[in-house]
N, C-alpha and C. Protein backbone atom coordinates (compact mmCIF):
# COMPACT_ATOMS: atom_id res chain seq x y z
N MET A 1 -18.51 -37.73 18.56
CA MET A 1 -18.76 -37.80 17.50
C MET A 1 -19.21 -38.55 16.64
N ALA A 2 -20.23 -38.56 15.62
CA ALA A 2 -20.48 -39.32 14.91
C ALA A 2 -19.89 -39.11 13.35
N ASP A 3 -18.95 -40.06 12.88
CA ASP A 3 -18.81 -40.78 11.87
C ASP A 3 -19.07 -39.64 9.89
N ALA A 4 -20.07 -39.96 9.98
CA ALA A 4 -20.56 -39.03 8.61
C ALA A 4 -22.17 -38.94 8.57
N LEU A 5 -22.61 -37.68 8.07
CA LEU A 5 -23.47 -36.58 7.87
C LEU A 5 -23.51 -37.10 6.78
N ILE A 6 -25.01 -37.84 6.44
CA ILE A 6 -25.56 -38.14 5.13
C ILE A 6 -26.70 -37.16 4.85
N VAL A 7 -26.65 -36.35 3.80
CA VAL A 7 -27.95 -35.25 3.79
C VAL A 7 -27.99 -35.74 2.61
N ILE A 8 -29.79 -35.89 2.31
CA ILE A 8 -30.41 -36.60 1.08
C ILE A 8 -31.07 -35.58 0.57
N ASP A 9 -30.72 -35.43 -1.05
CA ASP A 9 -31.43 -35.02 -1.47
C ASP A 9 -32.08 -33.50 -1.09
N VAL A 10 -31.18 -32.44 -0.88
CA VAL A 10 -31.72 -31.54 -0.60
C VAL A 10 -31.95 -30.18 -1.95
N GLN A 11 -32.95 -30.83 -2.41
CA GLN A 11 -32.52 -29.78 -4.45
C GLN A 11 -33.49 -28.80 -4.27
N ASN A 12 -33.55 -28.77 -5.27
CA ASN A 12 -34.88 -27.10 -5.47
C ASN A 12 -35.84 -27.58 -6.19
N ASP A 13 -36.37 -28.83 -6.38
CA ASP A 13 -37.60 -29.57 -7.33
C ASP A 13 -38.17 -30.00 -5.31
N PHE A 14 -37.65 -30.49 -4.46
CA PHE A 14 -38.27 -31.33 -3.74
C PHE A 14 -38.77 -30.11 -2.54
N CYS A 15 -38.10 -28.67 -2.77
CA CYS A 15 -38.68 -27.69 -1.91
C CYS A 15 -39.42 -27.21 -2.46
N PRO A 16 -40.16 -25.69 -1.45
CA PRO A 16 -41.15 -25.16 -2.36
C PRO A 16 -40.92 -24.59 -3.11
N GLY A 17 -42.21 -24.51 -4.34
CA GLY A 17 -42.09 -23.88 -5.59
C GLY A 17 -41.50 -24.70 -6.62
N GLY A 18 -40.77 -26.22 -6.10
CA GLY A 18 -40.33 -26.83 -6.96
C GLY A 18 -40.68 -28.00 -7.65
N ALA A 19 -40.84 -29.17 -8.62
CA ALA A 19 -41.53 -30.07 -9.40
C ALA A 19 -42.71 -30.76 -8.35
N LEU A 20 -41.22 -31.56 -7.39
CA LEU A 20 -42.63 -32.20 -6.07
C LEU A 20 -42.36 -32.03 -5.35
N ALA A 21 -42.16 -30.55 -4.41
CA ALA A 21 -42.62 -29.90 -3.43
C ALA A 21 -42.96 -30.50 -2.05
N VAL A 22 -41.72 -30.80 -0.98
CA VAL A 22 -42.01 -31.02 0.59
C VAL A 22 -42.63 -30.31 1.28
N ALA A 23 -43.36 -30.18 1.72
CA ALA A 23 -43.70 -29.08 2.76
C ALA A 23 -42.86 -28.27 3.62
N GLY A 24 -42.59 -27.56 3.90
CA GLY A 24 -40.78 -26.93 4.64
C GLY A 24 -39.77 -27.18 4.46
N GLY A 25 -39.95 -28.08 2.78
CA GLY A 25 -38.07 -28.65 2.52
C GLY A 25 -36.89 -27.83 2.49
N ASP A 26 -37.21 -26.19 2.59
CA ASP A 26 -35.96 -25.38 2.20
C ASP A 26 -36.08 -25.29 4.24
N ALA A 27 -36.91 -25.69 5.66
CA ALA A 27 -36.91 -24.88 6.23
C ALA A 27 -35.72 -25.88 7.01
N ILE A 28 -34.95 -26.75 7.04
CA ILE A 28 -34.21 -27.14 7.09
C ILE A 28 -32.31 -27.34 6.97
N VAL A 29 -33.12 -26.31 6.09
CA VAL A 29 -30.95 -26.18 5.21
C VAL A 29 -30.67 -25.95 6.44
N ALA A 30 -31.09 -24.27 7.52
CA ALA A 30 -30.01 -23.75 8.03
C ALA A 30 -29.71 -24.29 9.21
N GLY A 31 -30.42 -25.44 9.78
CA GLY A 31 -29.89 -26.99 10.64
C GLY A 31 -28.96 -27.80 10.52
N ILE A 32 -29.20 -28.29 8.22
CA ILE A 32 -28.22 -29.29 8.46
C ILE A 32 -26.93 -28.14 8.27
N ASN A 33 -26.72 -27.16 7.94
CA ASN A 33 -25.56 -26.69 7.27
C ASN A 33 -24.31 -25.95 9.11
N VAL A 34 -25.43 -25.69 10.26
CA VAL A 34 -24.48 -25.94 11.09
C VAL A 34 -24.33 -27.35 11.57
N LEU A 35 -24.99 -28.19 11.39
CA LEU A 35 -24.47 -30.36 11.62
C LEU A 35 -23.19 -30.54 11.12
N MET A 36 -23.29 -29.91 10.12
CA MET A 36 -22.06 -29.75 9.45
C MET A 36 -20.87 -29.68 9.86
N ALA A 37 -20.56 -29.17 10.92
CA ALA A 37 -19.26 -29.06 11.36
C ALA A 37 -18.37 -29.81 12.16
N ASP A 38 -20.33 -30.69 12.71
CA ASP A 38 -19.58 -32.07 13.43
C ASP A 38 -19.67 -33.24 13.19
N PHE A 39 -18.97 -33.00 11.82
CA PHE A 39 -18.88 -34.88 11.20
C PHE A 39 -17.51 -34.39 10.98
N ASN A 40 -17.04 -35.76 10.65
CA ASN A 40 -15.76 -35.98 10.27
C ASN A 40 -15.60 -35.99 8.43
N ALA A 41 -16.92 -36.42 7.70
CA ALA A 41 -17.15 -36.38 6.42
C ALA A 41 -19.03 -36.09 6.37
N VAL A 42 -18.77 -35.32 5.48
CA VAL A 42 -20.40 -34.67 4.91
C VAL A 42 -20.26 -35.17 3.15
N VAL A 43 -21.14 -36.19 3.05
CA VAL A 43 -21.43 -37.11 2.08
C VAL A 43 -23.39 -35.92 1.52
N LEU A 44 -23.50 -35.80 0.40
CA LEU A 44 -25.02 -35.27 0.05
C LEU A 44 -24.99 -36.06 -1.12
N THR A 45 -26.51 -36.36 -0.96
CA THR A 45 -27.02 -36.90 -2.26
C THR A 45 -27.44 -36.09 -3.33
N GLN A 46 -27.67 -36.87 -4.70
CA GLN A 46 -28.52 -36.01 -5.93
C GLN A 46 -29.11 -36.56 -6.60
N ASP A 47 -30.89 -36.55 -6.61
CA ASP A 47 -31.44 -37.70 -7.51
C ASP A 47 -31.18 -36.60 -8.72
N TRP A 48 -30.59 -37.16 -9.88
CA TRP A 48 -30.01 -36.95 -10.96
C TRP A 48 -31.22 -37.72 -12.53
N HIS A 49 -31.84 -37.70 -12.42
CA HIS A 49 -32.70 -38.44 -13.53
C HIS A 49 -32.69 -38.09 -14.90
N PRO A 50 -32.13 -38.66 -15.78
CA PRO A 50 -32.82 -38.72 -17.86
C PRO A 50 -33.54 -38.05 -17.83
N ALA A 51 -34.45 -37.63 -19.03
CA ALA A 51 -35.70 -37.08 -19.11
C ALA A 51 -36.34 -38.12 -19.19
N ASP A 52 -36.01 -38.73 -19.97
CA ASP A 52 -36.50 -40.18 -20.46
C ASP A 52 -36.88 -40.96 -19.41
N HIS A 53 -36.81 -40.76 -18.01
CA HIS A 53 -36.71 -42.43 -16.77
C HIS A 53 -37.93 -42.56 -16.73
N SER A 54 -37.72 -43.94 -16.50
CA SER A 54 -39.39 -44.71 -16.12
C SER A 54 -39.79 -44.63 -14.90
N SER A 55 -39.54 -43.24 -14.63
CA SER A 55 -41.12 -43.31 -13.40
C SER A 55 -41.19 -41.66 -13.31
N PHE A 56 -41.27 -41.57 -14.01
CA PHE A 56 -42.04 -39.67 -14.42
C PHE A 56 -43.15 -40.35 -15.68
N ALA A 57 -44.18 -39.80 -14.01
CA ALA A 57 -46.16 -40.19 -15.01
C ALA A 57 -46.04 -40.09 -16.44
N ASP A 58 -45.33 -38.88 -17.42
CA ASP A 58 -45.66 -38.37 -18.41
C ASP A 58 -44.80 -39.07 -19.49
N ASN A 59 -43.88 -40.33 -18.97
CA ASN A 59 -43.53 -41.07 -19.66
C ASN A 59 -44.14 -42.59 -19.93
N HIS A 60 -44.89 -42.38 -19.37
CA HIS A 60 -46.48 -43.23 -19.34
C HIS A 60 -47.62 -42.78 -19.88
N SER A 61 -47.70 -43.24 -21.19
CA SER A 61 -49.43 -42.80 -21.86
C SER A 61 -50.37 -42.74 -20.74
N GLY A 62 -50.87 -41.62 -20.21
CA GLY A 62 -52.35 -41.72 -19.37
C GLY A 62 -52.05 -41.72 -17.96
N ALA A 63 -50.42 -42.24 -17.48
CA ALA A 63 -50.63 -42.50 -16.00
C ALA A 63 -50.28 -40.85 -15.59
N GLU A 64 -51.51 -40.91 -14.15
CA GLU A 64 -51.10 -39.87 -13.69
C GLU A 64 -49.92 -39.95 -12.64
N PRO A 65 -49.70 -38.91 -12.18
CA PRO A 65 -48.65 -38.44 -11.25
C PRO A 65 -48.79 -39.68 -9.93
N PHE A 66 -48.10 -39.87 -9.10
CA PHE A 66 -48.41 -40.98 -8.16
C PHE A 66 -49.16 -41.95 -8.08
N SER A 67 -49.59 -42.61 -9.39
CA SER A 67 -50.09 -43.52 -9.65
C SER A 67 -49.05 -45.02 -9.01
N MET A 68 -49.46 -46.42 -9.21
CA MET A 68 -48.58 -47.18 -8.85
C MET A 68 -48.20 -47.78 -10.39
N VAL A 69 -46.99 -48.58 -10.57
CA VAL A 69 -47.10 -48.98 -11.42
C VAL A 69 -46.13 -50.35 -11.35
N ASP A 70 -46.13 -52.07 -11.83
CA ASP A 70 -45.39 -52.59 -11.54
C ASP A 70 -43.93 -52.69 -12.59
N MET A 71 -42.80 -52.08 -11.90
CA MET A 71 -41.50 -52.58 -12.66
C MET A 71 -40.63 -53.48 -12.44
N PRO A 72 -39.61 -54.68 -13.66
CA PRO A 72 -39.28 -55.42 -13.07
C PRO A 72 -38.57 -55.96 -11.47
N TYR A 73 -38.04 -54.95 -11.36
CA TYR A 73 -38.21 -54.70 -9.72
C TYR A 73 -38.94 -54.69 -9.09
N GLY A 74 -40.03 -54.28 -9.05
CA GLY A 74 -41.18 -54.22 -8.12
C GLY A 74 -41.87 -52.90 -8.43
N PRO A 75 -42.60 -52.69 -7.07
CA PRO A 75 -44.11 -51.65 -7.15
C PRO A 75 -43.03 -50.43 -7.34
N GLN A 76 -43.42 -49.56 -8.34
CA GLN A 76 -43.08 -48.37 -8.31
C GLN A 76 -43.71 -47.09 -8.09
N VAL A 77 -43.74 -45.91 -7.90
CA VAL A 77 -44.32 -44.97 -8.05
C VAL A 77 -44.02 -43.91 -8.89
N LEU A 78 -45.05 -43.85 -9.74
CA LEU A 78 -45.11 -42.65 -10.96
C LEU A 78 -44.87 -41.35 -10.42
N TRP A 79 -43.51 -40.45 -10.90
CA TRP A 79 -43.73 -39.44 -9.98
C TRP A 79 -43.68 -38.05 -11.28
N PRO A 80 -44.23 -36.80 -11.06
CA PRO A 80 -44.18 -35.66 -11.28
C PRO A 80 -42.69 -35.67 -11.81
N ARG A 81 -42.76 -34.56 -13.18
CA ARG A 81 -41.02 -34.49 -13.74
C ARG A 81 -40.15 -34.44 -12.96
N HIS A 82 -39.13 -34.09 -12.57
CA HIS A 82 -38.16 -34.04 -11.70
C HIS A 82 -37.01 -34.35 -11.67
N CYS A 83 -35.73 -33.13 -10.77
CA CYS A 83 -34.11 -33.24 -10.78
C CYS A 83 -34.27 -34.05 -12.12
N VAL A 84 -34.22 -33.27 -13.17
CA VAL A 84 -34.07 -34.09 -14.84
C VAL A 84 -32.24 -32.86 -14.34
N GLN A 85 -31.31 -33.85 -15.17
CA GLN A 85 -29.99 -34.08 -14.96
C GLN A 85 -30.15 -32.51 -15.63
N GLY A 86 -29.48 -31.46 -14.65
CA GLY A 86 -27.88 -30.13 -15.41
C GLY A 86 -29.48 -29.13 -15.19
N SER A 87 -30.78 -29.50 -14.98
CA SER A 87 -31.88 -28.33 -14.63
C SER A 87 -31.31 -27.43 -13.48
N ASN A 88 -31.84 -26.24 -13.51
CA ASN A 88 -32.09 -25.69 -11.84
C ASN A 88 -33.04 -27.04 -10.61
N GLY A 89 -34.36 -27.75 -11.36
CA GLY A 89 -34.16 -27.89 -10.73
C GLY A 89 -33.70 -29.47 -9.54
N ALA A 90 -32.76 -29.77 -10.54
CA ALA A 90 -32.15 -31.05 -9.89
C ALA A 90 -30.51 -30.04 -9.29
N ALA A 91 -30.51 -28.86 -9.01
CA ALA A 91 -29.49 -28.13 -8.50
C ALA A 91 -30.24 -28.28 -6.83
N PHE A 92 -28.30 -28.46 -6.25
CA PHE A 92 -28.33 -28.21 -4.74
C PHE A 92 -29.55 -26.59 -4.23
N HIS A 93 -30.45 -26.98 -3.35
CA HIS A 93 -30.91 -25.74 -2.52
C HIS A 93 -29.59 -24.60 -2.85
N GLU A 94 -29.95 -23.13 -3.07
CA GLU A 94 -29.03 -22.65 -3.34
C GLU A 94 -28.17 -22.08 -1.56
N ALA A 95 -29.36 -22.26 -0.51
CA ALA A 95 -28.18 -22.29 0.51
C ALA A 95 -27.92 -23.34 1.48
N LEU A 96 -28.19 -24.39 0.92
CA LEU A 96 -27.03 -25.36 1.19
C LEU A 96 -25.82 -25.21 1.38
N ASN A 97 -24.92 -26.06 1.82
CA ASN A 97 -23.33 -25.58 2.31
C ASN A 97 -22.72 -26.87 1.41
N SER A 98 -23.04 -26.45 -0.07
CA SER A 98 -22.39 -27.18 -0.94
C SER A 98 -20.53 -28.16 -1.36
N ASN A 99 -20.59 -26.69 -0.20
CA ASN A 99 -18.49 -26.44 -0.62
C ASN A 99 -18.08 -27.76 0.29
N ARG A 100 -18.97 -27.46 1.45
CA ARG A 100 -18.34 -28.40 2.65
C ARG A 100 -18.61 -30.52 2.70
N ALA A 101 -19.60 -30.58 0.85
CA ALA A 101 -19.09 -31.80 0.79
C ALA A 101 -18.10 -32.61 0.82
N ASP A 102 -17.81 -33.60 0.89
CA ASP A 102 -16.16 -34.91 1.01
C ASP A 102 -16.94 -35.51 -0.44
N MET A 103 -17.76 -35.59 -0.53
CA MET A 103 -18.47 -36.64 -1.68
C MET A 103 -19.82 -36.59 -2.29
N ILE A 104 -20.09 -36.51 -3.76
CA ILE A 104 -21.82 -36.08 -3.55
C ILE A 104 -21.58 -37.53 -4.43
N ILE A 105 -23.02 -38.18 -4.44
CA ILE A 105 -23.71 -38.78 -5.27
C ILE A 105 -24.65 -39.26 -5.53
N ARG A 106 -24.65 -39.47 -7.03
CA ARG A 106 -25.55 -38.91 -7.91
C ARG A 106 -26.45 -40.07 -8.06
N LYS A 107 -27.55 -39.96 -8.02
CA LYS A 107 -28.78 -41.55 -8.20
C LYS A 107 -29.77 -41.11 -8.86
N GLY A 108 -30.28 -42.67 -9.42
CA GLY A 108 -31.57 -42.16 -10.58
C GLY A 108 -31.44 -42.00 -11.83
N PHE A 109 -30.03 -42.18 -12.20
CA PHE A 109 -29.35 -41.79 -13.49
C PHE A 109 -29.47 -42.80 -14.49
N ARG A 110 -30.25 -44.10 -14.05
CA ARG A 110 -30.30 -45.25 -14.72
C ARG A 110 -31.75 -45.05 -15.10
N PRO A 111 -32.58 -45.45 -16.83
CA PRO A 111 -33.71 -44.72 -17.32
C PRO A 111 -34.17 -45.89 -17.00
N GLN A 112 -33.99 -46.72 -16.37
CA GLN A 112 -34.96 -48.10 -16.01
C GLN A 112 -35.09 -48.45 -14.76
N ILE A 113 -34.99 -47.75 -13.99
CA ILE A 113 -34.07 -48.43 -12.13
C ILE A 113 -34.58 -46.94 -11.87
N ASP A 114 -35.80 -46.67 -10.83
CA ASP A 114 -35.38 -45.44 -10.21
C ASP A 114 -34.58 -45.99 -8.97
N SER A 115 -34.49 -44.92 -7.97
CA SER A 115 -33.07 -44.72 -6.70
C SER A 115 -33.55 -44.42 -5.74
N TYR A 116 -34.15 -44.61 -5.27
CA TYR A 116 -34.91 -43.63 -3.43
C TYR A 116 -33.26 -43.74 -2.54
N SER A 117 -32.92 -44.91 -2.40
CA SER A 117 -31.49 -45.14 -1.40
C SER A 117 -30.18 -44.18 -2.01
N ALA A 118 -29.67 -43.99 -0.79
CA ALA A 118 -28.13 -43.41 -1.34
C ALA A 118 -27.06 -44.53 -1.71
N PHE A 119 -27.58 -45.57 -0.82
CA PHE A 119 -27.10 -47.20 -1.34
C PHE A 119 -27.10 -47.91 -2.51
N PHE A 120 -28.19 -48.37 -2.49
CA PHE A 120 -28.53 -49.29 -3.76
C PHE A 120 -29.43 -48.75 -4.37
N GLU A 121 -29.44 -48.66 -5.93
CA GLU A 121 -31.37 -48.70 -6.97
C GLU A 121 -32.16 -48.90 -6.17
N ASN A 122 -33.51 -49.46 -7.11
CA ASN A 122 -34.53 -49.69 -6.39
C ASN A 122 -34.48 -51.03 -6.21
N ASP A 123 -34.03 -51.90 -7.31
CA ASP A 123 -33.75 -53.30 -7.42
C ASP A 123 -33.33 -53.58 -6.09
N HIS A 124 -32.45 -53.11 -5.27
CA HIS A 124 -31.93 -53.07 -4.46
C HIS A 124 -30.50 -53.93 -3.64
N LYS A 125 -29.60 -53.95 -5.46
CA LYS A 125 -29.23 -54.75 -5.31
C LYS A 125 -27.89 -53.70 -6.27
N THR A 126 -28.07 -53.77 -6.80
CA THR A 126 -26.98 -52.78 -7.21
C THR A 126 -26.68 -51.03 -6.80
N PRO A 127 -25.41 -51.78 -6.57
CA PRO A 127 -24.92 -50.07 -5.14
C PRO A 127 -24.50 -49.18 -5.97
N THR A 128 -24.67 -48.11 -5.63
CA THR A 128 -23.99 -46.72 -5.61
C THR A 128 -23.33 -46.10 -5.46
N GLY A 129 -22.21 -47.44 -4.52
CA GLY A 129 -20.86 -46.88 -3.87
C GLY A 129 -20.94 -46.08 -2.41
N LEU A 130 -21.99 -45.44 -2.52
CA LEU A 130 -21.75 -45.11 -1.12
C LEU A 130 -20.89 -46.35 0.00
N GLU A 131 -22.13 -47.23 0.40
CA GLU A 131 -21.30 -48.07 0.90
C GLU A 131 -19.39 -48.58 1.12
N GLY A 132 -18.68 -48.38 -0.29
CA GLY A 132 -17.29 -48.58 -0.39
C GLY A 132 -16.48 -47.18 -0.03
N TYR A 133 -17.06 -46.51 -0.56
CA TYR A 133 -16.38 -44.96 0.24
C TYR A 133 -16.46 -45.02 1.73
N LEU A 134 -17.58 -45.49 2.26
CA LEU A 134 -17.12 -44.55 3.69
C LEU A 134 -16.87 -46.18 4.51
N ARG A 135 -16.58 -47.55 4.37
CA ARG A 135 -15.62 -48.01 4.76
C ARG A 135 -14.26 -47.67 4.32
N SER A 136 -14.05 -48.05 3.32
CA SER A 136 -12.64 -47.06 2.96
C SER A 136 -11.91 -46.08 3.79
N ARG A 137 -12.84 -45.47 4.01
CA ARG A 137 -12.50 -43.60 5.13
C ARG A 137 -12.80 -44.25 6.66
N GLY A 138 -13.27 -46.18 7.02
CA GLY A 138 -13.51 -46.31 8.44
C GLY A 138 -14.77 -45.20 9.53
N LEU A 139 -15.85 -44.58 8.64
CA LEU A 139 -16.59 -44.28 8.89
C LEU A 139 -18.28 -45.40 8.67
N THR A 140 -18.09 -45.14 10.39
CA THR A 140 -19.46 -46.26 10.33
C THR A 140 -20.81 -46.37 11.52
N LYS A 141 -20.75 -44.74 11.72
CA LYS A 141 -21.79 -43.90 12.67
C LYS A 141 -21.86 -43.14 11.44
N LEU A 142 -23.63 -43.04 11.32
CA LEU A 142 -24.15 -42.07 9.82
C LEU A 142 -25.15 -41.60 11.01
N VAL A 143 -25.59 -40.02 10.12
CA VAL A 143 -26.61 -39.13 10.40
C VAL A 143 -27.11 -38.92 9.92
N LEU A 144 -28.06 -39.62 9.88
CA LEU A 144 -29.14 -38.73 8.04
C LEU A 144 -29.87 -37.45 8.16
N THR A 145 -30.09 -36.86 7.14
CA THR A 145 -31.23 -35.29 6.96
C THR A 145 -31.46 -35.46 5.68
N GLY A 146 -32.37 -35.14 5.05
CA GLY A 146 -32.90 -34.27 4.04
C GLY A 146 -34.09 -34.77 3.63
N LEU A 147 -34.79 -35.02 2.44
CA LEU A 147 -35.96 -35.33 1.93
C LEU A 147 -36.06 -36.14 1.09
N ALA A 148 -36.69 -37.02 1.33
CA ALA A 148 -37.86 -37.01 2.15
C ALA A 148 -37.94 -37.89 3.31
N THR A 149 -38.36 -37.98 3.95
CA THR A 149 -37.98 -39.22 5.19
C THR A 149 -38.87 -40.02 4.66
N ASP A 150 -40.17 -39.68 4.28
CA ASP A 150 -40.60 -41.54 4.15
C ASP A 150 -40.03 -41.93 2.57
N PHE A 151 -39.29 -41.63 1.80
CA PHE A 151 -38.61 -42.10 0.94
C PHE A 151 -37.24 -42.18 1.17
N CYS A 152 -36.12 -41.23 0.17
CA CYS A 152 -35.15 -41.17 0.15
C CYS A 152 -34.61 -41.42 1.44
N VAL A 153 -34.47 -40.39 2.37
CA VAL A 153 -34.16 -41.01 3.57
C VAL A 153 -34.28 -42.37 4.17
N GLY A 154 -35.63 -42.44 4.51
CA GLY A 154 -35.67 -43.46 5.24
C GLY A 154 -35.09 -44.76 4.84
N PHE A 155 -35.83 -45.09 3.22
CA PHE A 155 -34.96 -46.19 2.57
C PHE A 155 -33.57 -45.72 2.75
N SER A 156 -32.49 -45.46 2.53
CA SER A 156 -31.43 -45.23 2.65
C SER A 156 -30.60 -45.08 4.43
N ALA A 157 -31.82 -44.91 5.02
CA ALA A 157 -31.35 -45.29 6.52
C ALA A 157 -31.50 -46.70 6.99
N LEU A 158 -33.11 -47.22 5.99
CA LEU A 158 -32.82 -48.91 6.10
C LEU A 158 -32.02 -49.71 5.18
N ASP A 159 -31.15 -49.10 4.72
CA ASP A 159 -30.23 -49.73 3.96
C ASP A 159 -29.33 -49.79 4.29
N ALA A 160 -28.53 -48.80 5.14
CA ALA A 160 -27.61 -48.41 5.76
C ALA A 160 -27.45 -49.27 7.17
N ALA A 161 -28.49 -49.71 7.88
CA ALA A 161 -28.78 -50.91 9.14
C ALA A 161 -28.43 -51.98 8.49
N ALA A 162 -28.79 -52.22 7.27
CA ALA A 162 -29.04 -53.24 7.13
C ALA A 162 -27.92 -53.54 6.37
N LEU A 163 -26.85 -52.91 5.95
CA LEU A 163 -25.54 -52.92 5.78
C LEU A 163 -25.06 -53.23 7.08
N GLY A 164 -25.27 -53.24 8.20
CA GLY A 164 -23.96 -52.80 9.58
C GLY A 164 -24.16 -51.63 10.09
N PHE A 165 -23.71 -50.42 9.70
CA PHE A 165 -23.90 -49.24 9.73
C PHE A 165 -24.09 -48.67 10.88
N GLU A 166 -24.17 -47.68 12.53
CA GLU A 166 -24.49 -47.46 12.94
C GLU A 166 -25.34 -46.19 12.29
N VAL A 167 -26.88 -46.54 12.71
CA VAL A 167 -27.76 -44.83 11.59
C VAL A 167 -28.81 -43.90 12.90
N THR A 168 -28.94 -43.10 12.56
CA THR A 168 -29.33 -42.01 13.45
C THR A 168 -29.69 -41.34 11.92
N VAL A 169 -31.14 -41.24 12.41
CA VAL A 169 -31.57 -40.28 11.51
C VAL A 169 -32.43 -38.58 12.10
N ARG A 170 -31.97 -37.44 11.84
CA ARG A 170 -32.25 -36.23 12.71
C ARG A 170 -33.85 -36.12 11.51
N MET A 171 -34.91 -36.73 12.41
CA MET A 171 -36.15 -36.21 12.25
C MET A 171 -36.67 -34.85 12.04
N ASP A 172 -35.97 -34.00 12.74
CA ASP A 172 -36.20 -32.78 13.12
C ASP A 172 -35.64 -32.31 11.47
N LEU A 173 -34.72 -32.81 11.02
CA LEU A 173 -33.85 -32.03 9.93
C LEU A 173 -34.01 -32.56 8.77
N CYS A 174 -35.68 -33.53 8.23
CA CYS A 174 -36.07 -33.72 7.23
C CYS A 174 -37.41 -33.50 7.30
N ARG A 175 -37.90 -33.98 6.10
CA ARG A 175 -39.22 -33.72 5.70
C ARG A 175 -40.42 -34.97 4.70
N ALA A 176 -41.46 -34.81 5.29
CA ALA A 176 -41.74 -36.18 4.51
C ALA A 176 -42.70 -35.55 3.46
N ILE A 177 -43.14 -36.72 2.58
CA ILE A 177 -44.07 -36.26 1.33
C ILE A 177 -45.45 -36.91 1.84
N ASP A 178 -45.30 -37.68 2.47
CA ASP A 178 -46.67 -38.24 3.17
C ASP A 178 -47.70 -39.01 2.74
N LEU A 179 -47.53 -39.87 1.56
CA LEU A 179 -48.45 -40.09 0.45
C LEU A 179 -49.20 -42.03 0.64
N ASN A 180 -50.11 -41.20 1.58
CA ASN A 180 -50.88 -42.41 1.78
C ASN A 180 -51.02 -43.39 2.72
N GLY A 181 -50.13 -42.36 3.93
CA GLY A 181 -49.61 -42.90 4.86
C GLY A 181 -48.19 -43.23 5.49
N SER A 182 -47.64 -42.70 3.83
CA SER A 182 -46.14 -43.56 3.84
C SER A 182 -45.29 -43.39 4.93
N LEU A 183 -45.13 -42.00 5.57
CA LEU A 183 -44.19 -41.43 6.97
C LEU A 183 -44.57 -42.84 7.94
N ALA A 184 -45.67 -43.07 8.27
CA ALA A 184 -45.54 -43.87 9.84
C ALA A 184 -45.33 -45.28 9.61
N GLY A 185 -45.72 -45.68 7.96
CA GLY A 185 -45.04 -46.77 7.45
C GLY A 185 -43.81 -46.64 7.69
N MET A 186 -42.80 -46.09 7.36
CA MET A 186 -41.80 -45.65 6.99
C MET A 186 -41.09 -45.36 8.36
N VAL A 187 -41.47 -44.47 9.40
CA VAL A 187 -40.91 -44.44 10.72
C VAL A 187 -41.43 -46.06 11.79
N ASP A 188 -42.20 -46.65 11.44
CA ASP A 188 -41.96 -48.05 11.92
C ASP A 188 -41.11 -48.76 10.96
N LYS A 189 -40.91 -49.02 9.79
CA LYS A 189 -39.96 -49.49 9.20
C LYS A 189 -38.37 -49.26 10.15
N MET A 190 -37.85 -48.28 10.12
CA MET A 190 -37.01 -47.66 10.62
C MET A 190 -36.65 -48.34 12.22
N LYS A 191 -37.92 -48.10 12.38
CA LYS A 191 -37.80 -48.45 14.43
C LYS A 191 -37.57 -50.05 14.29
N ALA A 192 -37.66 -50.38 13.48
CA ALA A 192 -38.16 -52.08 13.69
C ALA A 192 -36.47 -52.53 12.85
N ALA A 193 -36.09 -51.86 12.32
CA ALA A 193 -34.63 -51.85 11.63
C ALA A 193 -33.21 -51.28 12.65
N GLY A 194 -33.97 -50.99 13.56
CA GLY A 194 -32.61 -50.56 14.89
C GLY A 194 -32.29 -49.27 13.94
N VAL A 195 -33.04 -48.47 13.44
CA VAL A 195 -32.74 -47.34 13.44
C VAL A 195 -32.91 -45.96 14.44
N ALA A 196 -32.43 -45.09 15.06
CA ALA A 196 -32.56 -44.08 15.73
C ALA A 196 -33.31 -42.91 14.95
N LEU A 197 -34.18 -42.76 16.22
CA LEU A 197 -35.24 -41.55 15.10
C LEU A 197 -34.50 -40.36 16.16
N ALA A 198 -34.05 -39.11 16.14
CA ALA A 198 -33.59 -37.80 16.75
C ALA A 198 -34.66 -37.05 16.51
């Protein structure tokens, strides 16, 4: 039995009808709920942006959603406004069994830096605290599910592998944005990093 199930960003804004909807994003919820019973620990992550977040296209004069800008920490996609703190869009999908969570990690709450990974901000240095939590509980085998495969799930998997965790991504319980070939690119990166794709 794997130690911990990490459920990435199953929130209203990433599901159909949301501000940054991932096609079929709600279709994975029932399967994730069933899977929760098989794990010693369940961790949910939650995108949690302030309204003035630097990754929102509408906070940059004349910028289009999904365009790229250079931030001090590197290239950054400018996203439609999504998962604003306290909004319905930031809430977990109503069908997700969020009561099963041992821990909820909120990320992306610093206005000046985005955070795809459950482990680090996009500078790849500022930790979220998830690594310490897992290590303190002796949890070393991780299974990742959620939204979106090619961004927050993928970057979380890469960081987890780099930190020495044994990582599996359940591709059937993830959905992708697939921006300009981002899904294929992320699949290649995860395979190269030793992440198991199931």
